[in-house]
Amino acid sequence: MPTQQSERWIADGANVEAELKELGYKVDLQYANDDIPTQVSQIENMINGGVEALIVASIDGTTLTSVLETAEAQDIPVIAYDRLINGSDTVDYYTTFDNYQVGVQQGTSLLIGLGVLDENGEETGEKGPFNVELFAGSPDDNNATFFWNGAMDTLQPYLDSGVLNVPSGQTEFEQAAILRWLPDTAQDRMEDLLTVGGGKKLDGVLSPYDGLSIGIISALTSAGYSGDKLPVVTGQDAEVGSVKSIIDGEQYSTIFKDVRKLGERAVIMVDDLLKGEEPEVNDTETYDNGEKVVPSYLLESEIVTVDNYEKVLVDSGYYEPKELK
């Protein structure tokens, strides 16, 4: 796993470990604290220690080619977990969510929050114009471009028609990307954008991850936005802090990806491979890592707002009510 700085990766690690142990496997769970050499070293040590399979959520999907060649030489299957490993033909399978659709949901929830679309995704006739700023994920995370493309394909018609306006003019992925998904970096960029935007009132912010959303909202409140004057801010991962923020009327939405199901799918893949069976996949076209199209299993995600968080997150058992107090 890449880091313990995000609560979702802690949950992912715990889920996968528990599911594997339930099937009788011994598990070595390691976190690399977003340091690439550390992750490479951890994988090397696992291979030297005689692991039978590797599940890897990479920090940078382009940096693991050499170490995974060692795994391949020892017939150790490799499953890319949530983040695609690029530039390597040694990746056997990939399990993740439909990340393009996650981006579509982020863009859609921004439009719903602004009143451009209704709750059913139908146009309301609202013409704006609304001032929005755009954030993207880490450029070394393959998922970030899927989130961005899904969101921008959804928002572009409204940018073209003038319903949406980006005061800073920063509409390219490279301009919007936040390396390593760091909240502090997002906060700093939001502060800069408020200056670059010439003081125009901001109506919305496309944020691809809850950690960034917290940093963005912090910058906005420091600039004088508060209460119902806060822009519509999106997110992803349904982290506790952001769900509380949604309940409190600060962050507008998040995208819920049930990592319990993701962990379960990774474990099923490992179990099948070690039994000599072929794992089930539902996508053999989308995820080209530069060396091969990696057979993948994609899971679905869901938009969460104050209107449905109890049904989606509490009633499903993902969170206990007391966790969101």
Protein backbone atom coordinates (compact mmCIF):
# COMPACT_ATOMS: atom_id res chain seq x y z
CA MET A 1 0.00 0.00 0.00
CA PRO A 2 1.31 3.51 -0.81
CA THR A 3 0.73 5.51 2.36
CA GLN A 4 -0.95 5.78 5.74
CA GLN A 5 -1.53 9.51 5.28
CA SER A 6 -4.92 8.74 3.75
CA GLU A 7 -7.47 6.84 5.82
CA ARG A 8 -8.75 5.03 2.74
CA TRP A 9 -5.41 3.23 2.24
CA ILE A 10 -5.42 2.15 5.87
CA ALA A 11 -8.89 0.70 5.31
CA ASP A 12 -7.79 -0.96 2.07
CA GLY A 13 -4.83 -2.63 3.72
CA ALA A 14 -6.90 -3.85 6.66
CA ASN A 15 -9.62 -5.22 4.38
CA VAL A 16 -7.25 -7.14 2.12
CA GLU A 17 -5.28 -8.52 5.05
CA ALA A 18 -8.40 -9.71 6.87
CA GLU A 19 -9.89 -11.34 3.77
CA LEU A 20 -6.65 -13.19 2.97
CA LYS A 21 -6.20 -14.38 6.54
CA GLU A 22 -9.78 -15.65 6.54
CA LEU A 23 -8.81 -17.92 3.65
CA GLY A 24 -5.77 -19.16 5.58
CA TYR A 25 -3.04 -17.11 3.91
CA LYS A 26 -0.15 -15.47 5.71
CA VAL A 27 0.02 -11.77 4.93
CA ASP A 28 2.85 -9.25 4.89
CA LEU A 29 1.23 -5.78 4.77
CA GLN A 30 3.58 -2.84 4.18
CA TYR A 31 3.05 0.91 3.73
CA ALA A 32 5.67 2.98 1.90
CA ASN A 33 4.70 6.47 3.15
CA ASP A 34 4.60 7.77 -0.42
CA ASP A 35 8.34 7.11 -0.86
CA ILE A 36 9.11 5.29 -4.11
CA PRO A 37 12.48 3.74 -3.09
CA THR A 38 10.84 2.44 0.08
CA GLN A 39 8.11 0.72 -1.90
CA VAL A 40 10.63 -0.82 -4.30
CA SER A 41 12.68 -2.06 -1.34
CA GLN A 42 9.58 -3.50 0.34
CA ILE A 43 8.66 -5.44 -2.78
CA GLU A 44 12.24 -6.70 -3.16
CA ASN A 45 12.21 -7.92 0.44
CA MET A 46 8.87 -9.64 -0.08
CA ILE A 47 10.18 -11.45 -3.17
CA ASN A 48 13.35 -12.48 -1.34
CA GLY A 49 11.19 -13.63 1.54
CA GLY A 50 9.37 -16.12 -0.67
CA VAL A 51 5.94 -14.56 -1.25
CA GLU A 52 3.61 -16.48 -3.53
CA ALA A 53 1.71 -13.45 -4.85
CA LEU A 54 1.94 -9.66 -4.81
CA ILE A 55 -0.89 -7.13 -4.50
CA VAL A 56 0.53 -3.67 -5.22
CA ALA A 57 -1.07 -0.24 -4.93
CA SER A 58 1.76 1.71 -6.51
CA ILE A 59 2.97 5.17 -5.56
CA ASP A 60 4.26 5.83 -9.07
CA GLY A 61 3.07 3.25 -11.57
CA THR A 62 6.12 3.74 -13.80
CA THR A 63 8.86 2.88 -11.29
CA LEU A 64 8.33 -0.80 -10.57
CA THR A 65 9.40 -2.40 -13.86
CA SER A 66 12.73 -3.84 -12.70
CA VAL A 67 11.56 -5.21 -9.37
CA LEU A 68 8.51 -6.81 -10.97
CA GLU A 69 10.71 -8.52 -13.57
CA THR A 70 12.29 -10.30 -10.61
CA ALA A 71 8.84 -11.38 -9.48
CA GLU A 72 8.02 -12.67 -12.96
CA ALA A 73 11.27 -14.66 -13.08
CA GLN A 74 10.11 -16.45 -9.94
CA ASP A 75 6.57 -17.01 -11.24
CA ILE A 76 5.06 -14.68 -8.65
CA PRO A 77 1.74 -13.29 -9.95
CA VAL A 78 1.24 -9.53 -9.64
CA ILE A 79 -2.10 -7.82 -9.14
CA ALA A 80 -2.25 -4.04 -9.52
CA TYR A 81 -4.58 -2.71 -6.84
CA ASP A 82 -6.63 0.40 -7.68
CA ARG A 83 -3.65 2.09 -9.39
CA LEU A 84 -2.42 0.70 -12.69
CA ILE A 85 1.26 -0.25 -12.89
CA ASN A 86 2.57 1.22 -16.14
CA GLY A 87 5.42 0.27 -18.46
CA SER A 88 5.55 -3.35 -17.36
CA ASP A 89 4.30 -6.54 -19.01
CA THR A 90 4.67 -8.40 -15.71
CA VAL A 91 1.33 -7.16 -14.34
CA ASP A 92 -1.10 -10.05 -14.52
CA TYR A 93 -4.38 -8.45 -13.43
CA TYR A 94 -5.81 -5.16 -12.27
CA THR A 95 -8.76 -4.41 -10.02
CA THR A 96 -10.16 -0.94 -9.52
CA PHE A 97 -13.30 1.13 -9.90
CA ASP A 98 -14.58 2.52 -13.18
CA ASN A 99 -12.36 5.57 -12.82
CA TYR A 100 -13.62 7.40 -15.89
CA GLN A 101 -17.14 7.06 -14.47
CA VAL A 102 -15.88 8.39 -11.12
CA GLY A 103 -14.80 11.52 -13.00
CA VAL A 104 -18.18 11.74 -14.71
CA GLN A 105 -19.85 11.53 -11.30
CA GLN A 106 -17.61 14.29 -9.93
CA GLY A 107 -18.43 16.57 -12.84
CA THR A 108 -22.12 15.69 -12.60
CA SER A 109 -22.26 16.37 -8.85
CA LEU A 110 -20.64 19.77 -9.40
CA LEU A 111 -23.32 20.62 -11.97
CA ILE A 112 -26.08 19.39 -9.65
CA GLY A 113 -24.69 21.43 -6.78
CA LEU A 114 -24.65 24.54 -8.98
CA GLY A 115 -28.24 23.89 -10.09
CA VAL A 116 -27.32 23.36 -13.75
CA LEU A 117 -28.61 19.79 -13.50
CA ASP A 118 -31.36 18.43 -11.27
CA GLU A 119 -30.93 15.39 -9.01
CA ASN A 120 -31.79 13.14 -11.96
CA GLY A 121 -29.06 14.65 -14.10
CA GLU A 122 -31.47 16.58 -16.31
CA GLU A 123 -30.74 20.15 -17.38
CA THR A 124 -32.67 22.78 -15.42
CA GLY A 125 -32.20 25.63 -17.89
CA GLU A 126 -29.91 27.49 -15.50
CA LYS A 127 -27.48 29.55 -17.59
CA GLY A 128 -25.15 30.92 -14.92
CA PRO A 129 -22.51 31.98 -15.57
CA PHE A 130 -20.82 30.20 -12.66
CA ASN A 131 -17.18 30.70 -11.76
CA VAL A 132 -15.42 27.42 -11.06
CA GLU A 133 -11.83 26.30 -10.54
CA LEU A 134 -10.49 22.86 -11.43
CA PHE A 135 -8.21 20.47 -9.55
CA ALA A 136 -6.72 17.17 -10.71
CA GLY A 137 -4.93 14.35 -8.94
CA SER A 138 -1.30 13.34 -8.91
CA PRO A 139 0.28 13.10 -12.39
CA ASP A 140 2.14 9.90 -11.42
CA ASP A 141 -1.15 8.15 -10.58
CA ASN A 142 -2.74 6.64 -13.68
CA ASN A 143 -6.20 7.02 -12.16
CA ALA A 144 -5.87 10.81 -12.01
CA THR A 145 -6.15 11.17 -15.78
CA PHE A 146 -9.24 8.96 -15.87
CA PHE A 147 -10.89 11.10 -13.17
CA TRP A 148 -9.94 14.27 -15.04
CA ASN A 149 -11.09 13.05 -18.44
CA GLY A 150 -14.43 11.86 -17.10
CA ALA A 151 -15.03 15.14 -15.29
CA MET A 152 -13.89 17.36 -18.16
CA ASP A 153 -15.91 15.47 -20.76
CA THR A 154 -18.92 16.18 -18.53
CA LEU A 155 -18.10 19.85 -17.90
CA GLN A 156 -16.71 20.85 -21.30
CA PRO A 157 -20.07 21.54 -23.00
CA TYR A 158 -20.92 23.98 -20.20
CA LEU A 159 -17.50 25.62 -20.42
CA ASP A 160 -17.97 25.98 -24.18
CA SER A 161 -21.44 27.51 -23.80
CA GLY A 162 -20.38 29.94 -21.08
CA VAL A 163 -22.51 28.42 -18.31
CA LEU A 164 -19.22 27.71 -16.54
CA ASN A 165 -16.23 30.04 -16.43
CA VAL A 166 -12.74 29.36 -15.04
CA PRO A 167 -11.45 32.73 -13.72
CA SER A 168 -7.81 31.60 -13.59
CA GLY A 169 -7.92 30.20 -17.12
CA GLN A 170 -6.20 27.05 -15.84
CA THR A 171 -8.07 24.29 -17.64
CA GLU A 172 -5.27 21.83 -18.50
CA PHE A 173 -4.48 18.72 -16.47
CA GLU A 174 -0.87 19.78 -15.99
CA GLN A 175 -2.01 23.08 -14.48
CA ALA A 176 -4.56 21.49 -12.17
CA ALA A 177 -2.59 18.42 -11.01
CA ILE A 178 -1.59 18.05 -7.34
CA LEU A 179 1.51 15.88 -6.91
CA ARG A 180 1.06 13.01 -4.43
CA TRP A 181 -2.51 14.19 -3.74
CA LEU A 182 -1.21 16.40 -0.91
CA PRO A 183 -3.84 18.54 0.88
CA ASP A 184 -1.33 21.28 1.72
CA THR A 185 -0.40 21.61 -1.95
CA ALA A 186 -4.08 21.90 -2.87
CA GLN A 187 -4.59 24.53 -0.19
CA ASP A 188 -1.64 26.56 -1.50
CA ARG A 189 -2.90 26.32 -5.08
CA MET A 190 -6.42 27.35 -4.05
CA GLU A 191 -5.00 30.40 -2.28
CA ASP A 192 -3.07 31.29 -5.44
CA LEU A 193 -6.13 30.79 -7.65
CA LEU A 194 -8.20 33.15 -5.54
CA THR A 195 -5.55 35.79 -6.27
CA VAL A 196 -5.13 34.91 -9.96
CA GLY A 197 -8.91 34.96 -10.41
CA GLY A 198 -8.99 38.68 -9.74
CA GLY A 199 -11.30 38.49 -6.74
CA LYS A 200 -14.24 37.09 -8.68
CA LYS A 201 -16.79 35.28 -6.51
CA LEU A 202 -16.22 31.55 -6.81
CA ASP A 203 -19.25 29.28 -7.20
CA GLY A 204 -17.69 25.83 -7.46
CA VAL A 205 -14.49 23.77 -7.28
CA LEU A 206 -13.90 20.45 -8.98
CA SER A 207 -11.86 18.42 -6.50
CA PRO A 208 -11.01 14.78 -7.29
CA TYR A 209 -10.25 13.65 -3.72
CA ASP A 210 -11.49 14.39 -0.20
CA GLY A 211 -8.02 15.16 1.14
CA LEU A 212 -7.65 17.90 -1.47
CA SER A 213 -11.18 19.12 -0.71
CA ILE A 214 -10.28 19.70 2.94
CA GLY A 215 -7.27 21.80 1.90
CA ILE A 216 -9.34 23.68 -0.67
CA ILE A 217 -12.09 24.48 1.84
CA SER A 218 -9.49 25.66 4.34
CA ALA A 219 -8.16 28.14 1.77
CA LEU A 220 -11.68 29.28 0.95
CA THR A 221 -12.66 29.88 4.57
CA SER A 222 -9.43 31.81 5.14
CA ALA A 223 -10.42 34.00 2.19
CA GLY A 224 -13.78 34.81 3.78
CA TYR A 225 -16.09 32.16 2.32
CA SER A 226 -18.29 30.51 4.94
CA GLY A 227 -21.63 28.79 5.48
CA ASP A 228 -23.93 28.87 2.47
CA LYS A 229 -21.47 31.24 0.78
CA LEU A 230 -18.97 28.41 0.29
CA PRO A 231 -18.60 27.22 -3.31
CA VAL A 232 -19.83 23.78 -4.33
CA VAL A 233 -16.82 21.50 -3.65
CA THR A 234 -16.68 17.88 -4.84
CA GLY A 235 -14.49 15.02 -3.60
CA GLN A 236 -13.83 11.30 -3.59
CA ASP A 237 -13.38 8.38 -1.17
CA ALA A 238 -16.01 9.30 1.47
CA GLU A 239 -13.38 9.86 4.13
CA VAL A 240 -14.77 10.53 7.60
CA GLY A 241 -13.57 14.15 7.72
CA SER A 242 -15.21 14.97 4.42
CA VAL A 243 -18.46 13.18 5.25
CA LYS A 244 -18.64 15.27 8.42
CA SER A 245 -17.91 18.32 6.28
CA ILE A 246 -20.80 17.36 3.98
CA ILE A 247 -23.11 16.94 6.98
CA ASP A 248 -22.01 20.37 8.24
CA GLY A 249 -22.80 21.99 4.88
CA GLU A 250 -19.22 22.71 3.82
CA GLN A 251 -18.16 20.14 1.21
CA TYR A 252 -21.00 19.42 -1.20
CA SER A 253 -20.32 15.86 -2.38
CA THR A 254 -17.94 12.94 -2.44
CA ILE A 255 -17.71 9.76 -4.50
CA PHE A 256 -18.10 6.58 -2.47
CA LYS A 257 -15.98 3.65 -3.58
CA ASP A 258 -16.65 0.65 -1.38
CA VAL A 259 -13.11 -0.57 -0.73
CA ARG A 260 -14.54 -3.62 1.01
CA LYS A 261 -15.60 -4.86 -2.43
CA LEU A 262 -12.27 -3.86 -3.95
CA GLY A 263 -10.35 -5.80 -1.34
CA GLU A 264 -12.64 -8.76 -1.78
CA ARG A 265 -12.04 -8.75 -5.54
CA ALA A 266 -8.24 -8.61 -5.12
CA VAL A 267 -8.37 -11.54 -2.73
CA ILE A 268 -10.55 -13.56 -5.11
CA MET A 269 -8.01 -12.92 -7.88
CA VAL A 270 -5.10 -14.06 -5.69
CA ASP A 271 -6.96 -17.14 -4.53
CA ASP A 272 -7.89 -18.10 -8.08
CA LEU A 273 -4.33 -17.64 -9.35
CA LEU A 274 -2.79 -19.70 -6.55
CA LYS A 275 -5.33 -22.45 -7.22
CA GLY A 276 -4.37 -22.46 -10.90
CA GLU A 277 -7.66 -20.91 -11.99
CA GLU A 278 -8.25 -17.91 -14.26
CA PRO A 279 -9.66 -14.89 -12.37
CA GLU A 280 -12.90 -13.30 -13.54
CA VAL A 281 -12.55 -9.94 -15.33
CA ASN A 282 -15.06 -7.56 -16.89
CA ASP A 283 -12.76 -5.27 -18.91
CA THR A 284 -10.11 -6.33 -21.42
CA GLU A 285 -9.83 -3.11 -23.43
CA THR A 286 -9.49 0.00 -21.26
CA TYR A 287 -6.29 -0.29 -19.26
CA ASP A 288 -3.29 -0.25 -21.59
CA ASN A 289 -0.15 0.26 -19.48
CA GLY A 290 2.15 0.84 -22.45
CA GLU A 291 3.26 -2.77 -22.62
CA LYS A 292 -0.02 -4.66 -22.54
CA VAL A 293 -3.73 -4.27 -21.99
CA VAL A 294 -4.10 -5.50 -18.44
CA PRO A 295 -7.20 -7.65 -17.85
CA SER A 296 -9.23 -5.83 -15.24
CA TYR A 297 -12.20 -6.05 -12.94
CA LEU A 298 -14.02 -2.72 -12.51
CA LEU A 299 -16.35 -1.86 -9.65
CA GLU A 300 -19.06 0.81 -9.47
CA SER A 301 -19.07 3.99 -7.39
CA GLU A 302 -21.79 6.34 -6.09
CA ILE A 303 -22.30 10.07 -5.56
CA VAL A 304 -22.82 10.93 -1.87
CA THR A 305 -24.35 14.19 -0.58
CA VAL A 306 -26.06 15.24 2.62
CA ASP A 307 -29.29 13.82 1.19
CA ASN A 308 -28.15 10.20 0.92
CA TYR A 309 -25.07 9.70 3.12
CA GLU A 310 -27.03 7.78 5.77
CA LYS A 311 -28.47 5.34 3.26
CA VAL A 312 -25.21 4.80 1.37
CA LEU A 313 -22.64 4.89 4.17
CA VAL A 314 -24.44 4.08 7.42
CA ASP A 315 -27.16 1.66 6.37
CA SER A 316 -24.58 -0.35 4.39
CA GLY A 317 -22.44 -0.72 7.50
CA TYR A 318 -19.49 1.15 6.02
CA TYR A 319 -19.59 3.62 8.91
CA GLU A 320 -21.14 3.47 12.35
CA PRO A 321 -23.36 6.51 13.14
CA LYS A 322 -21.05 7.49 16.00
CA GLU A 323 -18.11 7.81 13.58
CA LEU A 324 -19.88 10.67 11.81
CA LYS A 325 -20.86 12.65 14.91
